[in-house]
């Protein structure tokens, strides 16, 4: 068992903490379970509270370009109010409920390149120290998987997934960011659009599906993306291939007919509160190494075996570097 030492205000001789999440991916709106393992330090300490933070790596766009940073999107107090004796080992089990909009990090066991973590914070002797930071794996809800599966069977392919800071106007979005899953068009639509982006906004009663199709013609061409929103139930039983194909047909027809958000009142609200397209197509779909190349999708597209590709080694390294960098920032 490896314990990570808490630095900062407690210094050498303070308690150490190791949070262990139960195996397997959690689900949005579902339980996240595990245990916080504590080891006492060189003296007795009063553990006032044990808090878990959910942290996401999010991209933000601004006038200077684009940057990435960590956003805490939920906090849970899972224990505390006890004395941890010198050298004592104690395990505190927990079960907390993930927000419904928690992003999906993997599909069919393949990582999508989205980075989520669980950070453990101890409040001891009036001081707070952030300790353990662990990778959080989240799988899709059944209806999310059904929609993505249908897209794969219809010939669409996976390109990338990322988290964008900001809000999609006109939706019930709760978190300060949203997940975009970028897919390549099937041969039927390849001459009309370069890319379609799928966003799922789940809630207790069901899920909003936001589909966006880019305006073909290059990053500097006139016109905007087409956007459409739909609502489905968590337990809907539909012919998903037919359903999703109908969605895509309407989306593409809408783009062809209107050619801009303004024609039908849709748009994204960015983090400055402006209403309009979030405008991230200028960078060639992030073709460089990074989150955007997390999964190299093969001809199988999003269907079973999705991903027909591999997680790039540099992306695995990048995920580790992100967590380590965050921990160093806290310690500094």
C-alpha atoms as a PDB file:
ATOM      1  CA  UNK A   1       0.000   0.000   0.000  1.00  0.00           C
ATOM      2  CA  UNK A   2       1.445   3.353  -0.976  1.00  0.00           C
ATOM      3  CA  UNK A   3       0.615   6.375   1.149  1.00  0.00           C
ATOM      4  CA  UNK A   4       1.139   9.840  -0.269  1.00  0.00           C
ATOM      5  CA  UNK A   5       2.477  12.271   2.275  1.00  0.00           C
ATOM      6  CA  UNK A   6       0.547  15.429   2.990  1.00  0.00           C
ATOM      7  CA  UNK A   7       2.802  18.425   2.693  1.00  0.00           C
ATOM      8  CA  UNK A   8       2.214  22.081   3.455  1.00  0.00           C
ATOM      9  CA  UNK A   9       0.918  23.191   6.817  1.00  0.00           C
ATOM     10  CA  UNK A  10       1.223  19.797   8.515  1.00  0.00           C
ATOM     11  CA  UNK A  11       4.783  19.192   7.410  1.00  0.00           C
ATOM     12  CA  UNK A  12       6.832  16.081   8.035  1.00  0.00           C
ATOM     13  CA  UNK A  13       5.301  13.884  10.692  1.00  0.00           C
ATOM     14  CA  UNK A  14       1.709  14.624   9.726  1.00  0.00           C
ATOM     15  CA  UNK A  15      -0.868  11.992   8.785  1.00  0.00           C
ATOM     16  CA  UNK A  16      -0.758  10.410   5.347  1.00  0.00           C
ATOM     17  CA  UNK A  17      -3.715   9.516   3.145  1.00  0.00           C
ATOM     18  CA  UNK A  18      -4.409   7.074   0.333  1.00  0.00           C
ATOM     19  CA  UNK A  19      -7.839   7.066  -1.316  1.00  0.00           C
ATOM     20  CA  UNK A  20      -8.773   3.834  -3.079  1.00  0.00           C
ATOM     21  CA  UNK A  21     -11.726   3.865  -5.494  1.00  0.00           C
ATOM     22  CA  UNK A  22     -13.625   0.635  -6.017  1.00  0.00           C
ATOM     23  CA  UNK A  23     -12.754  -0.989  -9.361  1.00  0.00           C
ATOM     24  CA  UNK A  24     -14.671  -0.360 -12.561  1.00  0.00           C
ATOM     25  CA  UNK A  25     -16.081   2.800 -14.091  1.00  0.00           C
ATOM     26  CA  UNK A  26     -18.756   4.767 -12.262  1.00  0.00           C
ATOM     27  CA  UNK A  27     -21.820   6.096 -14.102  1.00  0.00           C
ATOM     28  CA  UNK A  28     -23.151   9.663 -14.324  1.00  0.00           C
ATOM     29  CA  UNK A  29     -25.750  10.123 -11.607  1.00  0.00           C
ATOM     30  CA  UNK A  30     -24.567   6.886  -9.994  1.00  0.00           C
ATOM     31  CA  UNK A  31     -22.571   5.944  -6.923  1.00  0.00           C
ATOM     32  CA  UNK A  32     -18.839   6.440  -6.529  1.00  0.00           C
ATOM     33  CA  UNK A  33     -17.564   4.135  -3.804  1.00  0.00           C
ATOM     34  CA  UNK A  34     -14.261   3.431  -2.138  1.00  0.00           C
ATOM     35  CA  UNK A  35     -12.340   4.109   1.020  1.00  0.00           C
ATOM     36  CA  UNK A  36      -9.997   6.732   2.404  1.00  0.00           C
ATOM     37  CA  UNK A  37      -7.099   5.055   4.192  1.00  0.00           C
ATOM     38  CA  UNK A  38      -5.340   7.119   6.825  1.00  0.00           C
ATOM     39  CA  UNK A  39      -2.097   6.505   8.663  1.00  0.00           C
ATOM     40  CA  UNK A  40      -1.296   8.500  11.771  1.00  0.00           C
ATOM     41  CA  UNK A  41       1.795  10.663  11.933  1.00  0.00           C
ATOM     42  CA  UNK A  42       4.338  11.359  14.641  1.00  0.00           C
ATOM     43  CA  UNK A  43       1.685  12.549  17.076  1.00  0.00           C
ATOM     44  CA  UNK A  44      -2.056  12.384  17.647  1.00  0.00           C
ATOM     45  CA  UNK A  45      -4.117  14.537  15.248  1.00  0.00           C
ATOM     46  CA  UNK A  46      -7.735  15.631  15.247  1.00  0.00           C
ATOM     47  CA  UNK A  47      -9.191  14.829  11.820  1.00  0.00           C
ATOM     48  CA  UNK A  48     -11.856  17.503  11.524  1.00  0.00           C
ATOM     49  CA  UNK A  49     -13.125  16.523   8.081  1.00  0.00           C
ATOM     50  CA  UNK A  50     -12.304  14.387   5.048  1.00  0.00           C
ATOM     51  CA  UNK A  51     -13.472  15.926   1.784  1.00  0.00           C
ATOM     52  CA  UNK A  52     -13.453  14.521  -1.755  1.00  0.00           C
ATOM     53  CA  UNK A  53     -13.275  16.945  -4.680  1.00  0.00           C
ATOM     54  CA  UNK A  54     -14.183  15.984  -8.238  1.00  0.00           C
ATOM     55  CA  UNK A  55     -11.765  17.679 -10.611  1.00  0.00           C
ATOM     56  CA  UNK A  56     -11.861  17.911 -14.404  1.00  0.00           C
ATOM     57  CA  UNK A  57      -9.366  19.062 -16.975  1.00  0.00           C
ATOM     58  CA  UNK A  58     -11.223  21.689 -18.997  1.00  0.00           C
ATOM     59  CA  UNK A  59     -10.377  23.769 -22.043  1.00  0.00           C
ATOM     60  CA  UNK A  60     -11.222  27.461 -21.969  1.00  0.00           C
ATOM     61  CA  UNK A  61     -11.191  29.871 -24.892  1.00  0.00           C
ATOM     62  CA  UNK A  62     -10.322  33.512 -24.512  1.00  0.00           C
ATOM     63  CA  UNK A  63      -8.996  36.394 -26.565  1.00  0.00           C
ATOM     64  CA  UNK A  64      -5.411  35.169 -26.288  1.00  0.00           C
ATOM     65  CA  UNK A  65      -6.313  31.714 -27.552  1.00  0.00           C
ATOM     66  CA  UNK A  66      -7.030  28.529 -25.654  1.00  0.00           C
ATOM     67  CA  UNK A  67      -5.814  27.213 -22.312  1.00  0.00           C
ATOM     68  CA  UNK A  68      -6.412  24.198 -20.100  1.00  0.00           C
ATOM     69  CA  UNK A  69      -6.865  24.019 -16.366  1.00  0.00           C
ATOM     70  CA  UNK A  70      -8.438  22.093 -13.521  1.00  0.00           C
ATOM     71  CA  UNK A  71     -12.037  22.820 -12.503  1.00  0.00           C
ATOM     72  CA  UNK A  72     -13.512  21.442  -9.267  1.00  0.00           C
ATOM     73  CA  UNK A  73     -17.120  20.562 -10.018  1.00  0.00           C
ATOM     74  CA  UNK A  74     -18.317  18.825  -6.840  1.00  0.00           C
ATOM     75  CA  UNK A  75     -17.277  18.384  -3.204  1.00  0.00           C
ATOM     76  CA  UNK A  76     -18.343  15.746  -0.673  1.00  0.00           C
ATOM     77  CA  UNK A  77     -17.539  15.521   3.034  1.00  0.00           C
ATOM     78  CA  UNK A  78     -17.194  11.799   3.738  1.00  0.00           C
ATOM     79  CA  UNK A  79     -15.856  11.685   7.304  1.00  0.00           C
ATOM     80  CA  UNK A  80     -14.140  13.427  10.159  1.00  0.00           C
ATOM     81  CA  UNK A  81     -14.667  14.348  13.772  1.00  0.00           C
ATOM     82  CA  UNK A  82     -12.252  11.812  15.222  1.00  0.00           C
ATOM     83  CA  UNK A  83      -8.761  11.570  16.686  1.00  0.00           C
ATOM     84  CA  UNK A  84      -6.133   9.727  14.635  1.00  0.00           C
ATOM     85  CA  UNK A  85      -3.576   8.351  17.077  1.00  0.00           C
ATOM     86  CA  UNK A  86       0.145   8.334  16.413  1.00  0.00           C
ATOM     87  CA  UNK A  87       0.866   5.637  13.801  1.00  0.00           C
ATOM     88  CA  UNK A  88      -2.772   4.472  13.728  1.00  0.00           C
ATOM     89  CA  UNK A  89      -4.200   3.079  10.502  1.00  0.00           C
ATOM     90  CA  UNK A  90      -7.871   3.735   9.784  1.00  0.00           C
ATOM     91  CA  UNK A  91     -10.094   3.193   6.753  1.00  0.00           C
ATOM     92  CA  UNK A  92     -13.107   5.428   6.096  1.00  0.00           C
ATOM     93  CA  UNK A  93     -15.514   3.929   3.519  1.00  0.00           C
ATOM     94  CA  UNK A  94     -17.604   6.261   1.372  1.00  0.00           C
ATOM     95  CA  UNK A  95     -20.393   6.232  -1.188  1.00  0.00           C
ATOM     96  CA  UNK A  96     -21.240   9.490  -2.944  1.00  0.00           C
ATOM     97  CA  UNK A  97     -23.452  10.286  -5.934  1.00  0.00           C
ATOM     98  CA  UNK A  98     -21.827  11.689  -9.058  1.00  0.00           C
ATOM     99  CA  UNK A  99     -23.464  14.672 -10.778  1.00  0.00           C
ATOM    100  CA  UNK A 100     -25.656  13.634 -13.704  1.00  0.00           C
ATOM    101  CA  UNK A 101     -23.515  15.693 -16.093  1.00  0.00           C
ATOM    102  CA  UNK A 102     -20.247  14.025 -15.071  1.00  0.00           C
ATOM    103  CA  UNK A 103     -18.342  13.513 -18.346  1.00  0.00           C
ATOM    104  CA  UNK A 104     -17.803  10.066 -19.814  1.00  0.00           C
ATOM    105  CA  UNK A 105     -14.130   9.072 -19.842  1.00  0.00           C
ATOM    106  CA  UNK A 106     -14.334   5.692 -21.554  1.00  0.00           C
ATOM    107  CA  UNK A 107     -16.427   3.754 -24.034  1.00  0.00           C
ATOM    108  CA  UNK A 108     -16.235  -0.042 -24.318  1.00  0.00           C
ATOM    109  CA  UNK A 109     -13.218   0.101 -22.038  1.00  0.00           C
ATOM    110  CA  UNK A 110     -11.331   2.481 -24.343  1.00  0.00           C
ATOM    111  CA  UNK A 111     -10.206   5.813 -22.901  1.00  0.00           C
ATOM    112  CA  UNK A 112     -11.620   8.866 -24.693  1.00  0.00           C
ATOM    113  CA  UNK A 113      -8.897  11.252 -23.502  1.00  0.00           C
ATOM    114  CA  UNK A 114     -11.044  13.106 -20.961  1.00  0.00           C
ATOM    115  CA  UNK A 115      -9.243  13.678 -17.655  1.00  0.00           C
ATOM    116  CA  UNK A 116     -11.173  13.453 -14.363  1.00  0.00           C
ATOM    117  CA  UNK A 117      -9.793  13.040 -10.870  1.00  0.00           C
ATOM    118  CA  UNK A 118     -10.836  12.627  -7.239  1.00  0.00           C
ATOM    119  CA  UNK A 119      -8.769  14.726  -4.856  1.00  0.00           C
ATOM    120  CA  UNK A 120      -8.793  14.054  -1.113  1.00  0.00           C
ATOM    121  CA  UNK A 121      -8.572  16.967   1.315  1.00  0.00           C
ATOM    122  CA  UNK A 122      -8.007  16.613   5.049  1.00  0.00           C
ATOM    123  CA  UNK A 123      -8.896  19.320   7.519  1.00  0.00           C
ATOM    124  CA  UNK A 124      -6.543  18.825  10.458  1.00  0.00           C
ATOM    125  CA  UNK A 125      -5.791  21.154  13.346  1.00  0.00           C
ATOM    126  CA  UNK A 126      -7.526  24.076  11.667  1.00  0.00           C
ATOM    127  CA  UNK A 127      -5.550  23.687   8.408  1.00  0.00           C
ATOM    128  CA  UNK A 128      -6.573  22.085   5.125  1.00  0.00           C
ATOM    129  CA  UNK A 129      -4.214  19.943   3.112  1.00  0.00           C
ATOM    130  CA  UNK A 130      -4.921  18.478  -0.303  1.00  0.00           C
ATOM    131  CA  UNK A 131      -3.416  15.030  -0.525  1.00  0.00           C
ATOM    132  CA  UNK A 132      -4.216  12.088  -2.730  1.00  0.00           C
ATOM    133  CA  UNK A 133      -5.335  12.669  -6.339  1.00  0.00           C
ATOM    134  CA  UNK A 134      -6.751   9.651  -8.162  1.00  0.00           C
ATOM    135  CA  UNK A 135      -7.974   9.037 -11.680  1.00  0.00           C
ATOM    136  CA  UNK A 136     -11.754   8.802 -12.008  1.00  0.00           C
ATOM    137  CA  UNK A 137     -13.174   6.499 -14.694  1.00  0.00           C
ATOM    138  CA  UNK A 138     -16.755   7.115 -15.849  1.00  0.00           C
ATOM    139  CA  UNK A 139     -18.676   4.966 -18.328  1.00  0.00           C
ATOM    140  CA  UNK A 140     -21.732   5.933 -20.395  1.00  0.00           C
ATOM    141  CA  UNK A 141     -25.339   5.666 -19.314  1.00  0.00           C
ATOM    142  CA  UNK A 142     -27.334   3.110 -21.348  1.00  0.00           C
ATOM    143  CA  UNK A 143     -28.981   5.760 -23.518  1.00  0.00           C
ATOM    144  CA  UNK A 144     -25.637   7.490 -24.146  1.00  0.00           C
ATOM    145  CA  UNK A 145     -24.142   4.190 -25.222  1.00  0.00           C
ATOM    146  CA  UNK A 146     -27.177   3.476 -27.424  1.00  0.00           C
ATOM    147  CA  UNK A 147     -26.845   6.788 -29.280  1.00  0.00           C
ATOM    148  CA  UNK A 148     -23.088   6.371 -29.789  1.00  0.00           C
ATOM    149  CA  UNK A 149     -23.559   2.756 -30.847  1.00  0.00           C
ATOM    150  CA  UNK A 150     -26.146   3.833 -33.427  1.00  0.00           C
ATOM    151  CA  UNK A 151     -23.780   6.470 -34.787  1.00  0.00           C
ATOM    152  CA  UNK A 152     -21.086   3.831 -35.168  1.00  0.00           C
ATOM    153  CA  UNK A 153     -23.413   1.430 -36.956  1.00  0.00           C
ATOM    154  CA  UNK A 154     -24.474   4.237 -39.291  1.00  0.00           C
ATOM    155  CA  UNK A 155     -20.868   4.706 -40.360  1.00  0.00           C
ATOM    156  CA  UNK A 156     -19.789   7.651 -38.220  1.00  0.00           C
ATOM    157  CA  UNK A 157     -16.329   7.546 -36.669  1.00  0.00           C
ATOM    158  CA  UNK A 158     -14.853   8.814 -33.415  1.00  0.00           C
ATOM    159  CA  UNK A 159     -12.468  11.764 -33.675  1.00  0.00           C
ATOM    160  CA  UNK A 160     -11.934  13.092 -30.141  1.00  0.00           C
ATOM    161  CA  UNK A 161     -13.599  14.128 -26.909  1.00  0.00           C
ATOM    162  CA  UNK A 162     -12.919  17.104 -24.696  1.00  0.00           C
ATOM    163  CA  UNK A 163     -14.419  19.351 -22.046  1.00  0.00           C
ATOM    164  CA  UNK A 164     -15.249  22.961 -22.920  1.00  0.00           C
ATOM    165  CA  UNK A 165     -15.668  25.696 -20.322  1.00  0.00           C
ATOM    166  CA  UNK A 166     -18.933  27.594 -20.832  1.00  0.00           C
ATOM    167  CA  UNK A 167     -22.622  26.885 -21.200  1.00  0.00           C
ATOM    168  CA  UNK A 168     -24.879  25.830 -24.048  1.00  0.00           C
ATOM    169  CA  UNK A 169     -27.698  28.336 -24.197  1.00  0.00           C
ATOM    170  CA  UNK A 170     -31.267  27.134 -23.903  1.00  0.00           C
ATOM    171  CA  UNK A 171     -30.436  23.895 -22.093  1.00  0.00           C
ATOM    172  CA  UNK A 172     -30.721  22.803 -18.486  1.00  0.00           C
ATOM    173  CA  UNK A 173     -26.940  22.538 -18.139  1.00  0.00           C
ATOM    174  CA  UNK A 174     -25.792  22.512 -14.505  1.00  0.00           C
ATOM    175  CA  UNK A 175     -21.992  22.248 -14.583  1.00  0.00           C
ATOM    176  CA  UNK A 176     -19.757  25.152 -15.705  1.00  0.00           C
ATOM    177  CA  UNK A 177     -18.449  23.039 -18.606  1.00  0.00           C
ATOM    178  CA  UNK A 178     -19.775  20.492 -21.093  1.00  0.00           C
ATOM    179  CA  UNK A 179     -18.372  17.488 -22.913  1.00  0.00           C
ATOM    180  CA  UNK A 180     -18.083  17.423 -26.687  1.00  0.00           C
ATOM    181  CA  UNK A 181     -17.661  14.121 -28.507  1.00  0.00           C
ATOM    182  CA  UNK A 182     -16.458  14.897 -32.018  1.00  0.00           C
ATOM    183  CA  UNK A 183     -17.340  12.396 -34.731  1.00  0.00           C
ATOM    184  CA  UNK A 184     -16.512  12.188 -38.399  1.00  0.00           C
ATOM    185  CA  UNK A 185     -19.441  11.995 -40.842  1.00  0.00           C
ATOM    186  CA  UNK A 186     -20.506   8.779 -42.497  1.00  0.00           C
ATOM    187  CA  UNK A 187     -19.880   8.582 -46.265  1.00  0.00           C
ATOM    188  CA  UNK A 188     -23.479   9.674 -46.842  1.00  0.00           C
ATOM    189  CA  UNK A 189     -22.825  13.087 -45.267  1.00  0.00           C
ATOM    190  CA  UNK A 190     -19.109  13.512 -45.943  1.00  0.00           C
ATOM    191  CA  UNK A 191     -19.748  15.997 -48.756  1.00  0.00           C
ATOM    192  CA  UNK A 192     -21.929  18.165 -46.510  1.00  0.00           C
ATOM    193  CA  UNK A 193     -20.153  18.395 -43.157  1.00  0.00           C
ATOM    194  CA  UNK A 194     -16.636  17.914 -41.826  1.00  0.00           C
ATOM    195  CA  UNK A 195     -17.593  17.002 -38.298  1.00  0.00           C
ATOM    196  CA  UNK A 196     -20.543  16.516 -35.965  1.00  0.00           C
ATOM    197  CA  UNK A 197     -20.266  17.175 -32.245  1.00  0.00           C
ATOM    198  CA  UNK A 198     -22.427  15.357 -29.701  1.00  0.00           C
ATOM    199  CA  UNK A 199     -23.054  16.667 -26.171  1.00  0.00           C
ATOM    200  CA  UNK A 200     -25.065  14.768 -23.557  1.00  0.00           C
ATOM    201  CA  UNK A 201     -26.649  16.734 -20.702  1.00  0.00           C
ATOM    202  CA  UNK A 202     -28.135  14.132 -18.378  1.00  0.00           C
ATOM    203  CA  UNK A 203     -30.495  14.798 -15.496  1.00  0.00           C
ATOM    204  CA  UNK A 204     -32.753  12.792 -13.180  1.00  0.00           C
ATOM    205  CA  UNK A 205     -35.676  12.830 -15.625  1.00  0.00           C
ATOM    206  CA  UNK A 206     -33.806  12.126 -18.863  1.00  0.00           C
ATOM    207  CA  UNK A 207     -31.174  13.543 -21.123  1.00  0.00           C
ATOM    208  CA  UNK A 208     -30.751  16.375 -23.577  1.00  0.00           C
ATOM    209  CA  UNK A 209     -28.757  15.517 -26.681  1.00  0.00           C
ATOM    210  CA  UNK A 210     -27.155  18.491 -28.424  1.00  0.00           C
ATOM    211  CA  UNK A 211     -25.943  17.872 -31.979  1.00  0.00           C
ATOM    212  CA  UNK A 212     -23.847  20.379 -33.864  1.00  0.00           C
ATOM    213  CA  UNK A 213     -22.703  20.193 -37.488  1.00  0.00           C
ATOM    214  CA  UNK A 214     -19.951  22.399 -38.788  1.00  0.00           C
ATOM    215  CA  UNK A 215     -20.208  24.565 -41.872  1.00  0.00           C
ATOM    216  CA  UNK A 216     -18.164  22.855 -44.558  1.00  0.00           C
ATOM    217  CA  UNK A 217     -15.671  25.040 -46.367  1.00  0.00           C
ATOM    218  CA  UNK A 218     -12.773  25.617 -44.023  1.00  0.00           C
ATOM    219  CA  UNK A 219     -12.146  27.571 -40.849  1.00  0.00           C
ATOM    220  CA  UNK A 220     -12.412  30.989 -42.434  1.00  0.00           C
ATOM    221  CA  UNK A 221     -15.480  30.446 -44.573  1.00  0.00           C
ATOM    222  CA  UNK A 222     -18.614  32.460 -43.939  1.00  0.00           C
ATOM    223  CA  UNK A 223     -21.534  30.962 -42.053  1.00  0.00           C
ATOM    224  CA  UNK A 224     -21.847  29.120 -38.765  1.00  0.00           C
ATOM    225  CA  UNK A 225     -22.596  25.700 -37.419  1.00  0.00           C
ATOM    226  CA  UNK A 226     -26.033  24.153 -37.283  1.00  0.00           C
ATOM    227  CA  UNK A 227     -27.288  23.151 -33.867  1.00  0.00           C
ATOM    228  CA  UNK A 228     -30.191  21.020 -32.714  1.00  0.00           C
ATOM    229  CA  UNK A 229     -31.389  19.763 -29.337  1.00  0.00           C
ATOM    230  CA  UNK A 230     -33.406  16.678 -28.479  1.00  0.00           C
ATOM    231  CA  UNK A 231     -34.649  15.082 -25.275  1.00  0.00           C
ATOM    232  CA  UNK A 232     -34.741  11.356 -24.529  1.00  0.00           C
ATOM    233  CA  UNK A 233     -35.663   9.307 -21.482  1.00  0.00           C
ATOM    234  CA  UNK A 234     -33.172   7.169 -19.613  1.00  0.00           C
ATOM    235  CA  UNK A 235     -35.176   4.028 -20.339  1.00  0.00           C
ATOM    236  CA  UNK A 236     -36.498   4.849 -23.797  1.00  0.00           C
ATOM    237  CA  UNK A 237     -36.796   1.843 -26.065  1.00  0.00           C
ATOM    238  CA  UNK A 238     -36.419   2.972 -29.652  1.00  0.00           C
ATOM    239  CA  UNK A 239     -34.993   1.803 -32.942  1.00  0.00           C
ATOM    240  CA  UNK A 240     -31.931   3.890 -32.225  1.00  0.00           C
ATOM    241  CA  UNK A 241     -30.377   3.541 -35.687  1.00  0.00           C
ATOM    242  CA  UNK A 242     -33.520   4.941 -37.321  1.00  0.00           C
ATOM    243  CA  UNK A 243     -33.955   7.556 -34.601  1.00  0.00           C
ATOM    244  CA  UNK A 244     -30.382   8.841 -34.746  1.00  0.00           C
ATOM    245  CA  UNK A 245     -30.332   8.835 -38.544  1.00  0.00           C
ATOM    246  CA  UNK A 246     -33.428  11.037 -38.456  1.00  0.00           C
ATOM    247  CA  UNK A 247     -31.677  13.417 -36.079  1.00  0.00           C
ATOM    248  CA  UNK A 248     -28.665  13.705 -38.365  1.00  0.00           C
ATOM    249  CA  UNK A 249     -30.839  14.220 -41.444  1.00  0.00           C
ATOM    250  CA  UNK A 250     -32.687  17.086 -39.765  1.00  0.00           C
ATOM    251  CA  UNK A 251     -29.435  18.591 -38.517  1.00  0.00           C
ATOM    252  CA  UNK A 252     -27.834  18.574 -41.960  1.00  0.00           C
ATOM    253  CA  UNK A 253     -30.998  19.875 -43.640  1.00  0.00           C
ATOM    254  CA  UNK A 254     -31.185  22.639 -41.048  1.00  0.00           C
ATOM    255  CA  UNK A 255     -27.593  23.624 -41.735  1.00  0.00           C
ATOM    256  CA  UNK A 256     -28.269  23.702 -45.458  1.00  0.00           C
ATOM    257  CA  UNK A 257     -31.471  25.726 -45.065  1.00  0.00           C
ATOM    258  CA  UNK A 258     -30.391  28.307 -42.524  1.00  0.00           C
ATOM    259  CA  UNK A 259     -26.622  28.392 -42.509  1.00  0.00           C
ATOM    260  CA  UNK A 260     -26.423  30.335 -39.256  1.00  0.00           C
ATOM    261  CA  UNK A 261     -27.511  30.260 -35.627  1.00  0.00           C
ATOM    262  CA  UNK A 262     -29.323  33.563 -35.919  1.00  0.00           C
ATOM    263  CA  UNK A 263     -31.934  32.153 -38.276  1.00  0.00           C
ATOM    264  CA  UNK A 264     -33.393  29.910 -35.592  1.00  0.00           C
ATOM    265  CA  UNK A 265     -32.206  31.405 -32.341  1.00  0.00           C
ATOM    266  CA  UNK A 266     -29.657  28.838 -31.267  1.00  0.00           C
ATOM    267  CA  UNK A 267     -26.210  29.463 -29.952  1.00  0.00           C
ATOM    268  CA  UNK A 268     -23.751  28.818 -27.171  1.00  0.00           C
ATOM    269  CA  UNK A 269     -23.233  31.069 -24.188  1.00  0.00           C
ATOM    270  CA  UNK A 270     -19.529  31.320 -23.591  1.00  0.00           C
ATOM    271  CA  UNK A 271     -17.941  31.959 -20.221  1.00  0.00           C
ATOM    272  CA  UNK A 272     -18.074  35.705 -20.783  1.00  0.00           C
ATOM    273  CA  UNK A 273     -21.842  35.499 -21.156  1.00  0.00           C
ATOM    274  CA  UNK A 274     -21.784  36.291 -24.857  1.00  0.00           C
ATOM    275  CA  UNK A 275     -24.336  34.576 -27.030  1.00  0.00           C
ATOM    276  CA  UNK A 276     -22.934  32.952 -30.105  1.00  0.00           C
ATOM    277  CA  UNK A 277     -20.862  30.114 -31.454  1.00  0.00           C
ATOM    278  CA  UNK A 278     -18.045  28.963 -29.204  1.00  0.00           C
ATOM    279  CA  UNK A 279     -15.704  29.050 -32.184  1.00  0.00           C
ATOM    280  CA  UNK A 280     -13.117  26.348 -31.698  1.00  0.00           C
ATOM    281  CA  UNK A 281     -12.864  25.153 -35.291  1.00  0.00           C
ATOM    282  CA  UNK A 282      -9.971  27.457 -36.086  1.00  0.00           C
ATOM    283  CA  UNK A 283      -7.349  25.052 -34.787  1.00  0.00           C
ATOM    284  CA  UNK A 284      -7.683  22.238 -37.274  1.00  0.00           C
ATOM    285  CA  UNK A 285      -9.630  20.115 -34.796  1.00  0.00           C
ATOM    286  CA  UNK A 286      -6.664  19.975 -32.427  1.00  0.00           C
ATOM    287  CA  UNK A 287      -4.768  17.594 -34.639  1.00  0.00           C
ATOM    288  CA  UNK A 288      -1.582  17.835 -32.591  1.00  0.00           C
ATOM    289  CA  UNK A 289      -0.719  15.397 -29.812  1.00  0.00           C
ATOM    290  CA  UNK A 290      -2.974  15.876 -26.821  1.00  0.00           C
ATOM    291  CA  UNK A 291      -6.509  15.247 -25.702  1.00  0.00           C
ATOM    292  CA  UNK A 292      -7.785  15.525 -29.273  1.00  0.00           C
ATOM    293  CA  UNK A 293      -5.758  12.514 -30.394  1.00  0.00           C
ATOM    294  CA  UNK A 294      -6.619  10.335 -27.408  1.00  0.00           C
ATOM    295  CA  UNK A 295      -8.247   7.638 -29.501  1.00  0.00           C
ATOM    296  CA  UNK A 296      -7.228   6.831 -33.045  1.00  0.00           C
ATOM    297  CA  UNK A 297     -10.496   5.500 -34.395  1.00  0.00           C
ATOM    298  CA  UNK A 298     -10.441   2.867 -37.084  1.00  0.00           C
ATOM    299  CA  UNK A 299     -13.077   1.990 -39.634  1.00  0.00           C
ATOM    300  CA  UNK A 300     -15.174   0.438 -36.880  1.00  0.00           C
ATOM    301  CA  UNK A 301     -16.055   3.966 -35.759  1.00  0.00           C
ATOM    302  CA  UNK A 302     -18.126   4.124 -32.605  1.00  0.00           C
ATOM    303  CA  UNK A 303     -19.577   0.627 -32.944  1.00  0.00           C
ATOM    304  CA  UNK A 304     -18.512  -2.216 -30.704  1.00  0.00           C
ATOM    305  CA  UNK A 305     -14.763  -2.356 -30.782  1.00  0.00           C
ATOM    306  CA  UNK A 306     -15.137   1.401 -31.132  1.00  0.00           C
ATOM    307  CA  UNK A 307     -12.731   2.525 -31.372  1.00  0.00           C
ATOM    308  CA  UNK A 308     -10.811   0.137 -33.391  1.00  0.00           C
ATOM    309  CA  UNK A 309      -7.839   2.137 -32.278  1.00  0.00           C
ATOM    310  CA  UNK A 310      -5.355   2.536 -29.485  1.00  0.00           C
ATOM    311  CA  UNK A 311      -4.794   5.114 -26.809  1.00  0.00           C
ATOM    312  CA  UNK A 312      -1.721   7.050 -27.845  1.00  0.00           C
ATOM    313  CA  UNK A 313       1.201   6.616 -25.466  1.00  0.00           C
ATOM    314  CA  UNK A 314       1.832  10.347 -25.276  1.00  0.00           C
ATOM    315  CA  UNK A 315      -1.735  10.869 -24.107  1.00  0.00           C
ATOM    316  CA  UNK A 316      -1.315   8.418 -21.244  1.00  0.00           C
ATOM    317  CA  UNK A 317       1.815  10.312 -20.251  1.00  0.00           C
ATOM    318  CA  UNK A 318      -0.031  13.589 -20.555  1.00  0.00           C
ATOM    319  CA  UNK A 319      -2.761  12.430 -18.189  1.00  0.00           C
ATOM    320  CA  UNK A 320      -0.180  11.436 -15.598  1.00  0.00           C
ATOM    321  CA  UNK A 321       1.700  14.698 -16.040  1.00  0.00           C
ATOM    322  CA  UNK A 322      -1.519  16.656 -15.543  1.00  0.00           C
ATOM    323  CA  UNK A 323      -2.244  15.008 -12.209  1.00  0.00           C
ATOM    324  CA  UNK A 324       1.350  15.306 -11.035  1.00  0.00           C
ATOM    325  CA  UNK A 325       1.448  18.954 -12.083  1.00  0.00           C
ATOM    326  CA  UNK A 326      -1.729  19.672 -10.143  1.00  0.00           C
ATOM    327  CA  UNK A 327      -0.296  18.048  -7.042  1.00  0.00           C
ATOM    328  CA  UNK A 328       2.918  20.053  -7.346  1.00  0.00           C
ATOM    329  CA  UNK A 329       0.898  23.250  -7.680  1.00  0.00           C
ATOM    330  CA  UNK A 330      -0.943  22.448  -4.468  1.00  0.00           C
ATOM    331  CA  UNK A 331       2.212  21.570  -2.607  1.00  0.00           C
ATOM    332  CA  UNK A 332       3.884  24.764  -3.815  1.00  0.00           C
END
